[in-house]
Amino acid sequence: MELVFVGVGSAFTSSEYYHSNILARAGELTERKQLLIDCGSDARHSLRCEGITNENVGQKIDAVYISHIHMDHMGGLEWLGFCSFFNPEAERPKLYIAADLVAPLWNSLRCGMEWHQDRRLTLEDFFDVRPIQDWFAWGGAKFHLVRTYHIRRPDGSYVPSYGLFIEGPAKTALITTDTCVHEGLMSYYREARYIFHDCETGQHKSGVHAHYDDLKDLPHEIRQKMWLYHYYPNPEQKPAADGFADFVRRRDTFFI
């Protein structure tokens, strides 16, 4: 299985980087299946670089996974849903999403998608919705939901957000999507062969992502297999000098 980073930037990024979305590819070239891991507002542009357009996205994207309800991770779903909905040759993409995010997702999309002429639509009209409790199987791999520590409520609880721990045919990988550094992730850090970690690189910490300076405090054996993405444009840091694998660049491909 291949993981292709179609974007590596933060929510406030440029077209040179695009939002941090990933294509998982499985199967032979003539029968290749593609799972889009998060579908941010930039998706229609970043996917065009991979030959996926308005006209063929319904045939090219077999499924999409949404980690949480932020626009750089789900803002492209209106585009994706309409492209397949209005294409009679396209099937509804499978939508893998944590069960507790299904209703919040539709609440975010319904203003623009709920009505077509005199018909009231639902999320299921656009996607083959597959609510997940713990894990799902796709393309010969097993994708485990990993609760992350992203946005905190006043009572100290966290708004639902889920990364992925992937048991691929050959290797394991952790994709954090969005999270702060947290002790609860350490077991996944240790088990994964690859760690793809969101990483703020700006001068000021937002408090809702892992910052580069926080990740530098992790043990060397963790940092050396950690690839950093979801960063600000033109980062000044030198990851290799600090014991990380490196920054992920757009269109980098990893085999798991």
C-alpha atoms as a PDB file:
ATOM      1  CA  MET A   1       0.000   0.000   0.000  1.00  0.00           C
ATOM      2  CA  GLU A   2       1.151   3.533  -0.801  1.00  0.00           C
ATOM      3  CA  LEU A   3       0.557   6.687   1.213  1.00  0.00           C
ATOM      4  CA  VAL A   4       0.851   9.774  -0.994  1.00  0.00           C
ATOM      5  CA  PHE A   5       0.800  13.209   0.635  1.00  0.00           C
ATOM      6  CA  VAL A   6      -1.220  15.387  -1.745  1.00  0.00           C
ATOM      7  CA  GLY A   7      -0.766  18.248   0.719  1.00  0.00           C
ATOM      8  CA  VAL A   8       1.386  18.943   3.768  1.00  0.00           C
ATOM      9  CA  GLY A   9       0.379  22.424   4.935  1.00  0.00           C
ATOM     10  CA  SER A  10      -1.494  23.810   7.903  1.00  0.00           C
ATOM     11  CA  ALA A  11      -4.979  25.303   7.790  1.00  0.00           C
ATOM     12  CA  PHE A  12      -3.335  28.628   6.883  1.00  0.00           C
ATOM     13  CA  THR A  13      -1.226  27.444   4.002  1.00  0.00           C
ATOM     14  CA  SER A  14      -0.532  28.286   0.362  1.00  0.00           C
ATOM     15  CA  SER A  15      -1.010  26.452  -2.917  1.00  0.00           C
ATOM     16  CA  GLU A  16       2.636  25.405  -2.776  1.00  0.00           C
ATOM     17  CA  TYR A  17       1.778  23.134   0.152  1.00  0.00           C
ATOM     18  CA  TYR A  18      -2.024  22.615   0.160  1.00  0.00           C
ATOM     19  CA  HIS A  19      -3.952  21.222   3.131  1.00  0.00           C
ATOM     20  CA  SER A  20      -2.614  18.059   4.737  1.00  0.00           C
ATOM     21  CA  ASN A  21      -4.583  15.341   2.985  1.00  0.00           C
ATOM     22  CA  ILE A  22      -3.284  11.904   2.044  1.00  0.00           C
ATOM     23  CA  LEU A  23      -4.141   9.330  -0.621  1.00  0.00           C
ATOM     24  CA  ALA A  24      -3.874   5.668   0.342  1.00  0.00           C
ATOM     25  CA  ARG A  25      -3.498   3.555  -2.771  1.00  0.00           C
ATOM     26  CA  ALA A  26      -4.012  -0.200  -2.979  1.00  0.00           C
ATOM     27  CA  GLY A  27      -4.050  -2.703  -5.822  1.00  0.00           C
ATOM     28  CA  GLU A  28      -2.551  -2.843  -9.267  1.00  0.00           C
ATOM     29  CA  LEU A  29      -2.488   0.237 -11.478  1.00  0.00           C
ATOM     30  CA  THR A  30      -5.352  -0.957 -13.696  1.00  0.00           C
ATOM     31  CA  GLU A  31      -7.563  -1.787 -10.694  1.00  0.00           C
ATOM     32  CA  ARG A  32      -6.199   0.684  -8.158  1.00  0.00           C
ATOM     33  CA  LYS A  33      -8.399   1.774  -5.273  1.00  0.00           C
ATOM     34  CA  GLN A  34      -7.831   5.098  -3.557  1.00  0.00           C
ATOM     35  CA  LEU A  35      -8.832   6.177  -0.050  1.00  0.00           C
ATOM     36  CA  LEU A  36      -8.590   9.900   0.659  1.00  0.00           C
ATOM     37  CA  ILE A  37      -7.555  10.520   4.264  1.00  0.00           C
ATOM     38  CA  ASP A  38      -9.211  13.866   5.049  1.00  0.00           C
ATOM     39  CA  CYS A  39     -10.655  16.126   2.393  1.00  0.00           C
ATOM     40  CA  GLY A  40      -9.826  19.759   3.091  1.00  0.00           C
ATOM     41  CA  SER A  41     -10.987  22.832   1.229  1.00  0.00           C
ATOM     42  CA  ASP A  42      -7.923  22.606  -1.057  1.00  0.00           C
ATOM     43  CA  ALA A  43      -8.717  19.041  -2.149  1.00  0.00           C
ATOM     44  CA  ARG A  44     -10.051  19.829  -5.612  1.00  0.00           C
ATOM     45  CA  HIS A  45      -6.779  21.624  -6.394  1.00  0.00           C
ATOM     46  CA  SER A  46      -4.304  19.233  -4.782  1.00  0.00           C
ATOM     47  CA  LEU A  47      -6.025  16.169  -6.251  1.00  0.00           C
ATOM     48  CA  ARG A  48      -5.851  17.667  -9.733  1.00  0.00           C
ATOM     49  CA  CYS A  49      -2.071  17.270  -9.450  1.00  0.00           C
ATOM     50  CA  GLU A  50      -2.750  13.530  -9.161  1.00  0.00           C
ATOM     51  CA  GLY A  51      -4.992  13.445 -12.237  1.00  0.00           C
ATOM     52  CA  ILE A  52      -8.219  13.528 -10.218  1.00  0.00           C
ATOM     53  CA  THR A  53     -10.668  16.118 -11.526  1.00  0.00           C
ATOM     54  CA  ASN A  54     -14.303  17.194 -11.217  1.00  0.00           C
ATOM     55  CA  GLU A  55     -15.162  14.832 -14.036  1.00  0.00           C
ATOM     56  CA  ASN A  56     -13.513  11.644 -12.761  1.00  0.00           C
ATOM     57  CA  VAL A  57     -13.313  12.007  -8.974  1.00  0.00           C
ATOM     58  CA  GLY A  58     -16.382   9.786  -8.531  1.00  0.00           C
ATOM     59  CA  GLN A  59     -14.556   6.965 -10.310  1.00  0.00           C
ATOM     60  CA  LYS A  60     -11.083   7.641  -8.885  1.00  0.00           C
ATOM     61  CA  ILE A  61     -11.877   7.999  -5.162  1.00  0.00           C
ATOM     62  CA  ASP A  62     -13.272   4.789  -3.716  1.00  0.00           C
ATOM     63  CA  ALA A  63     -13.542   6.068  -0.151  1.00  0.00           C
ATOM     64  CA  VAL A  64     -12.758   8.969   2.162  1.00  0.00           C
ATOM     65  CA  TYR A  65     -11.887   9.073   5.853  1.00  0.00           C
ATOM     66  CA  ILE A  66     -12.641  12.192   7.926  1.00  0.00           C
ATOM     67  CA  SER A  67     -10.733  12.689  11.169  1.00  0.00           C
ATOM     68  CA  HIS A  68     -12.549  15.702  12.623  1.00  0.00           C
ATOM     69  CA  ILE A  69     -14.687  18.729  11.848  1.00  0.00           C
ATOM     70  CA  HIS A  70     -12.253  21.409  10.741  1.00  0.00           C
ATOM     71  CA  MET A  71     -12.374  22.843   7.225  1.00  0.00           C
ATOM     72  CA  ASP A  72      -8.811  21.880   6.301  1.00  0.00           C
ATOM     73  CA  HIS A  73      -9.850  18.289   6.984  1.00  0.00           C
ATOM     74  CA  MET A  74     -13.448  18.160   5.727  1.00  0.00           C
ATOM     75  CA  GLY A  75     -14.160  21.389   3.815  1.00  0.00           C
ATOM     76  CA  GLY A  76     -13.774  19.665   0.414  1.00  0.00           C
ATOM     77  CA  LEU A  77     -16.584  17.196   1.042  1.00  0.00           C
ATOM     78  CA  GLU A  78     -19.215  19.444  -0.511  1.00  0.00           C
ATOM     79  CA  TRP A  79     -17.222  19.436  -3.755  1.00  0.00           C
ATOM     80  CA  LEU A  80     -16.608  15.681  -3.596  1.00  0.00           C
ATOM     81  CA  GLY A  81     -20.220  14.897  -2.736  1.00  0.00           C
ATOM     82  CA  PHE A  82     -21.677  17.044  -5.504  1.00  0.00           C
ATOM     83  CA  CYS A  83     -19.229  15.697  -8.099  1.00  0.00           C
ATOM     84  CA  SER A  84     -20.402  12.133  -7.504  1.00  0.00           C
ATOM     85  CA  PHE A  85     -24.072  13.082  -6.905  1.00  0.00           C
ATOM     86  CA  PHE A  86     -24.407  14.758 -10.300  1.00  0.00           C
ATOM     87  CA  ASN A  87     -22.405  12.130 -12.192  1.00  0.00           C
ATOM     88  CA  PRO A  88     -24.687   9.213 -13.138  1.00  0.00           C
ATOM     89  CA  GLU A  89     -21.669   6.998 -13.786  1.00  0.00           C
ATOM     90  CA  ALA A  90     -20.202   7.495 -10.307  1.00  0.00           C
ATOM     91  CA  GLU A  91     -20.996   5.528  -7.182  1.00  0.00           C
ATOM     92  CA  ARG A  92     -21.271   7.229  -3.817  1.00  0.00           C
ATOM     93  CA  PRO A  93     -17.818   7.207  -2.183  1.00  0.00           C
ATOM     94  CA  LYS A  94     -17.625   5.254   1.045  1.00  0.00           C
ATOM     95  CA  LEU A  95     -17.314   7.619   3.992  1.00  0.00           C
ATOM     96  CA  TYR A  96     -15.434   6.198   6.963  1.00  0.00           C
ATOM     97  CA  ILE A  97     -15.928   8.362  10.025  1.00  0.00           C
ATOM     98  CA  ALA A  98     -16.140   7.893  13.792  1.00  0.00           C
ATOM     99  CA  ALA A  99     -19.744   7.314  14.793  1.00  0.00           C
ATOM    100  CA  ASP A 100     -19.803  10.358  17.085  1.00  0.00           C
ATOM    101  CA  LEU A 101     -18.765  12.637  14.199  1.00  0.00           C
ATOM    102  CA  VAL A 102     -21.513  11.711  11.727  1.00  0.00           C
ATOM    103  CA  ALA A 103     -24.095  14.193  13.030  1.00  0.00           C
ATOM    104  CA  PRO A 104     -21.599  17.067  13.526  1.00  0.00           C
ATOM    105  CA  LEU A 105     -20.294  16.534   9.998  1.00  0.00           C
ATOM    106  CA  TRP A 106     -23.746  16.807   8.440  1.00  0.00           C
ATOM    107  CA  ASN A 107     -24.494  19.865  10.589  1.00  0.00           C
ATOM    108  CA  SER A 108     -21.450  21.497   8.965  1.00  0.00           C
ATOM    109  CA  LEU A 109     -22.401  20.486   5.409  1.00  0.00           C
ATOM    110  CA  ARG A 110     -26.172  20.687   5.373  1.00  0.00           C
ATOM    111  CA  CYS A 111     -26.483  24.442   4.753  1.00  0.00           C
ATOM    112  CA  GLY A 112     -25.121  23.984   1.248  1.00  0.00           C
ATOM    113  CA  MET A 113     -26.151  20.380   0.544  1.00  0.00           C
ATOM    114  CA  GLU A 114     -29.512  19.719   2.173  1.00  0.00           C
ATOM    115  CA  TRP A 115     -31.833  20.853  -0.636  1.00  0.00           C
ATOM    116  CA  HIS A 116     -31.911  19.947  -4.312  1.00  0.00           C
ATOM    117  CA  GLN A 117     -34.887  21.466  -6.113  1.00  0.00           C
ATOM    118  CA  ASP A 118     -37.853  20.259  -4.003  1.00  0.00           C
ATOM    119  CA  ARG A 119     -36.033  17.311  -2.437  1.00  0.00           C
ATOM    120  CA  ARG A 120     -34.497  17.241   1.025  1.00  0.00           C
ATOM    121  CA  LEU A 121     -31.194  15.362   1.043  1.00  0.00           C
ATOM    122  CA  THR A 122     -29.135  13.677   3.749  1.00  0.00           C
ATOM    123  CA  LEU A 123     -25.475  12.776   4.101  1.00  0.00           C
ATOM    124  CA  GLU A 124     -26.357   9.291   2.823  1.00  0.00           C
ATOM    125  CA  ASP A 125     -27.501  10.729  -0.514  1.00  0.00           C
ATOM    126  CA  PHE A 126     -23.931  11.797  -1.201  1.00  0.00           C
ATOM    127  CA  PHE A 127     -21.873   9.149   0.581  1.00  0.00           C
ATOM    128  CA  ASP A 128     -22.054   5.506   1.582  1.00  0.00           C
ATOM    129  CA  VAL A 129     -21.674   6.338   5.268  1.00  0.00           C
ATOM    130  CA  ARG A 130     -19.730   3.770   7.323  1.00  0.00           C
ATOM    131  CA  PRO A 131     -19.756   4.852  11.013  1.00  0.00           C
ATOM    132  CA  ILE A 132     -16.743   3.441  12.883  1.00  0.00           C
ATOM    133  CA  GLN A 133     -16.416   2.473  16.510  1.00  0.00           C
ATOM    134  CA  ASP A 134     -12.847   1.149  16.616  1.00  0.00           C
ATOM    135  CA  TRP A 135     -11.419   0.229  13.213  1.00  0.00           C
ATOM    136  CA  PHE A 136     -12.191  -0.447   9.576  1.00  0.00           C
ATOM    137  CA  ALA A 137     -10.603  -2.556   6.845  1.00  0.00           C
ATOM    138  CA  TRP A 138      -9.746  -1.185   3.415  1.00  0.00           C
ATOM    139  CA  GLY A 139      -7.341  -2.196   0.658  1.00  0.00           C
ATOM    140  CA  GLY A 140      -5.818  -5.091   2.590  1.00  0.00           C
ATOM    141  CA  ALA A 141      -4.959  -2.913   5.609  1.00  0.00           C
ATOM    142  CA  LYS A 142      -6.544  -2.352   9.000  1.00  0.00           C
ATOM    143  CA  PHE A 143      -7.168   1.235  10.097  1.00  0.00           C
ATOM    144  CA  HIS A 144      -7.546   1.771  13.846  1.00  0.00           C
ATOM    145  CA  LEU A 145      -9.044   4.991  15.181  1.00  0.00           C
ATOM    146  CA  VAL A 146      -6.743   6.822  17.599  1.00  0.00           C
ATOM    147  CA  ARG A 147      -8.361   9.415  19.849  1.00  0.00           C
ATOM    148  CA  THR A 148      -6.262  12.570  19.682  1.00  0.00           C
ATOM    149  CA  TYR A 149      -5.982  15.642  21.923  1.00  0.00           C
ATOM    150  CA  HIS A 150      -6.762  18.601  19.727  1.00  0.00           C
ATOM    151  CA  ILE A 151      -9.431  21.081  20.894  1.00  0.00           C
ATOM    152  CA  ARG A 152     -10.271  21.180  24.591  1.00  0.00           C
ATOM    153  CA  ARG A 153     -13.603  22.260  26.085  1.00  0.00           C
ATOM    154  CA  PRO A 154     -13.914  24.388  29.252  1.00  0.00           C
ATOM    155  CA  ASP A 155     -14.644  21.232  31.293  1.00  0.00           C
ATOM    156  CA  GLY A 156     -11.294  19.724  30.230  1.00  0.00           C
ATOM    157  CA  SER A 157     -12.753  17.171  27.806  1.00  0.00           C
ATOM    158  CA  TYR A 158     -11.690  17.072  24.170  1.00  0.00           C
ATOM    159  CA  VAL A 159     -13.798  17.603  21.072  1.00  0.00           C
ATOM    160  CA  PRO A 160     -13.781  14.306  19.125  1.00  0.00           C
ATOM    161  CA  SER A 161     -10.832  14.002  16.758  1.00  0.00           C
ATOM    162  CA  TYR A 162      -9.254  10.789  15.518  1.00  0.00           C
ATOM    163  CA  GLY A 163      -5.937   9.907  13.947  1.00  0.00           C
ATOM    164  CA  LEU A 164      -5.219   6.537  12.372  1.00  0.00           C
ATOM    165  CA  PHE A 165      -2.931   3.664  13.287  1.00  0.00           C
ATOM    166  CA  ILE A 166      -2.551   1.621  10.107  1.00  0.00           C
ATOM    167  CA  GLU A 167      -1.561  -2.017   9.984  1.00  0.00           C
ATOM    168  CA  GLY A 168      -0.438  -2.171   6.374  1.00  0.00           C
ATOM    169  CA  PRO A 169       0.511  -5.289   4.420  1.00  0.00           C
ATOM    170  CA  ALA A 170       4.204  -4.641   5.207  1.00  0.00           C
ATOM    171  CA  LYS A 171       4.560  -1.918   7.865  1.00  0.00           C
ATOM    172  CA  THR A 172       2.659   0.038  10.494  1.00  0.00           C
ATOM    173  CA  ALA A 173       2.075   3.774  10.457  1.00  0.00           C
ATOM    174  CA  LEU A 174       0.560   6.388  12.756  1.00  0.00           C
ATOM    175  CA  ILE A 175      -1.086   9.445  11.184  1.00  0.00           C
ATOM    176  CA  THR A 176      -1.960  11.907  13.922  1.00  0.00           C
ATOM    177  CA  THR A 177      -4.148  14.224  11.815  1.00  0.00           C
ATOM    178  CA  ASP A 178      -4.350  16.961  14.516  1.00  0.00           C
ATOM    179  CA  THR A 179      -3.147  16.604  18.109  1.00  0.00           C
ATOM    180  CA  CYS A 180      -1.069  18.087  20.884  1.00  0.00           C
ATOM    181  CA  VAL A 181       1.778  16.048  22.333  1.00  0.00           C
ATOM    182  CA  HIS A 182       0.190  13.774  24.903  1.00  0.00           C
ATOM    183  CA  GLU A 183       1.305  10.787  26.973  1.00  0.00           C
ATOM    184  CA  GLY A 184      -1.726   8.880  25.688  1.00  0.00           C
ATOM    185  CA  LEU A 185      -0.093   8.614  22.264  1.00  0.00           C
ATOM    186  CA  MET A 186       3.186   7.134  23.457  1.00  0.00           C
ATOM    187  CA  SER A 187       2.201   3.486  22.921  1.00  0.00           C
ATOM    188  CA  TYR A 188       1.329   4.266  19.299  1.00  0.00           C
ATOM    189  CA  TYR A 189       4.593   6.163  18.843  1.00  0.00           C
ATOM    190  CA  ARG A 190       6.528   3.131  20.001  1.00  0.00           C
ATOM    191  CA  GLU A 191       4.614   0.581  17.930  1.00  0.00           C
ATOM    192  CA  ALA A 192       4.540   2.428  14.604  1.00  0.00           C
ATOM    193  CA  ARG A 193       7.229   1.951  11.973  1.00  0.00           C
ATOM    194  CA  TYR A 194       6.383   5.379  10.532  1.00  0.00           C
ATOM    195  CA  ILE A 195       4.983   8.330  12.471  1.00  0.00           C
ATOM    196  CA  PHE A 196       3.416  11.136  10.455  1.00  0.00           C
ATOM    197  CA  HIS A 197       2.895  13.955  12.942  1.00  0.00           C
ATOM    198  CA  ASP A 198       1.221  17.333  12.580  1.00  0.00           C
ATOM    199  CA  CYS A 199       3.715  20.001  13.556  1.00  0.00           C
ATOM    200  CA  GLU A 200       3.428  23.728  14.109  1.00  0.00           C
ATOM    201  CA  THR A 201       6.527  25.615  13.066  1.00  0.00           C
ATOM    202  CA  GLY A 202       5.549  29.207  13.802  1.00  0.00           C
ATOM    203  CA  GLN A 203       6.971  31.402  16.523  1.00  0.00           C
ATOM    204  CA  HIS A 204       3.805  31.313  18.643  1.00  0.00           C
ATOM    205  CA  LYS A 205       2.203  28.090  19.883  1.00  0.00           C
ATOM    206  CA  SER A 206      -1.533  27.784  19.250  1.00  0.00           C
ATOM    207  CA  GLY A 207      -2.082  25.151  21.929  1.00  0.00           C
ATOM    208  CA  VAL A 208      -4.080  22.917  19.557  1.00  0.00           C
ATOM    209  CA  HIS A 209      -1.230  21.221  17.668  1.00  0.00           C
ATOM    210  CA  ALA A 210       2.095  19.679  18.527  1.00  0.00           C
ATOM    211  CA  HIS A 211       4.717  22.376  18.154  1.00  0.00           C
ATOM    212  CA  TYR A 212       8.158  21.567  16.772  1.00  0.00           C
ATOM    213  CA  ASP A 213       9.791  22.550  20.078  1.00  0.00           C
ATOM    214  CA  ASP A 214       7.507  20.154  21.998  1.00  0.00           C
ATOM    215  CA  LEU A 215       8.246  17.268  19.654  1.00  0.00           C
ATOM    216  CA  LYS A 216      11.993  17.842  20.092  1.00  0.00           C
ATOM    217  CA  ASP A 217      11.598  16.679  23.707  1.00  0.00           C
ATOM    218  CA  LEU A 218      10.428  13.214  22.677  1.00  0.00           C
ATOM    219  CA  PRO A 219      12.911  10.313  22.979  1.00  0.00           C
ATOM    220  CA  HIS A 220      15.408   9.900  20.147  1.00  0.00           C
ATOM    221  CA  GLU A 221      14.013   6.502  19.133  1.00  0.00           C
ATOM    222  CA  ILE A 222      10.621   8.158  18.567  1.00  0.00           C
ATOM    223  CA  ARG A 223      11.937  11.213  16.724  1.00  0.00           C
ATOM    224  CA  GLN A 224      14.071   9.228  14.299  1.00  0.00           C
ATOM    225  CA  LYS A 225      10.985   7.604  12.726  1.00  0.00           C
ATOM    226  CA  MET A 226       8.834  10.751  12.862  1.00  0.00           C
ATOM    227  CA  TRP A 227       7.958  12.637   9.686  1.00  0.00           C
ATOM    228  CA  LEU A 228       6.551  16.132  10.214  1.00  0.00           C
ATOM    229  CA  TYR A 229       3.686  17.629   8.228  1.00  0.00           C
ATOM    230  CA  HIS A 230       0.851  20.177   8.664  1.00  0.00           C
ATOM    231  CA  TYR A 231       3.448  22.928   8.999  1.00  0.00           C
ATOM    232  CA  TYR A 232       3.461  26.610   8.089  1.00  0.00           C
ATOM    233  CA  PRO A 233       4.887  27.741   4.725  1.00  0.00           C
ATOM    234  CA  ASN A 234       8.680  28.025   4.476  1.00  0.00           C
ATOM    235  CA  PRO A 235       9.639  26.478   7.807  1.00  0.00           C
ATOM    236  CA  GLU A 236      13.043  27.453   9.134  1.00  0.00           C
ATOM    237  CA  GLN A 237      13.654  24.382  11.292  1.00  0.00           C
ATOM    238  CA  LYS A 238      16.114  21.644  10.307  1.00  0.00           C
ATOM    239  CA  PRO A 239      14.453  18.366  11.350  1.00  0.00           C
ATOM    240  CA  ALA A 240      17.300  16.021  10.454  1.00  0.00           C
ATOM    241  CA  ALA A 241      19.686  17.995  12.646  1.00  0.00           C
ATOM    242  CA  ASP A 242      17.245  17.572  15.540  1.00  0.00           C
ATOM    243  CA  GLY A 243      16.926  13.816  15.132  1.00  0.00           C
ATOM    244  CA  PHE A 244      13.664  13.666  13.146  1.00  0.00           C
ATOM    245  CA  ALA A 245      13.257  11.765   9.901  1.00  0.00           C
ATOM    246  CA  ASP A 246      12.393  15.022   8.057  1.00  0.00           C
ATOM    247  CA  PHE A 247       9.566  17.234   6.896  1.00  0.00           C
ATOM    248  CA  VAL A 248       7.157  15.519   4.519  1.00  0.00           C
ATOM    249  CA  ARG A 249       7.113  17.256   1.140  1.00  0.00           C
ATOM    250  CA  ARG A 250       4.054  17.390  -1.072  1.00  0.00           C
ATOM    251  CA  ARG A 251       3.720  14.243  -3.212  1.00  0.00           C
ATOM    252  CA  ASP A 252       6.138  12.247  -1.035  1.00  0.00           C
ATOM    253  CA  THR A 253       5.156   8.579  -1.135  1.00  0.00           C
ATOM    254  CA  PHE A 254       5.610   5.944   1.578  1.00  0.00           C
ATOM    255  CA  PHE A 255       5.060   2.214   1.328  1.00  0.00           C
ATOM    256  CA  ILE A 256       3.484   0.355   4.231  1.00  0.00           C
END
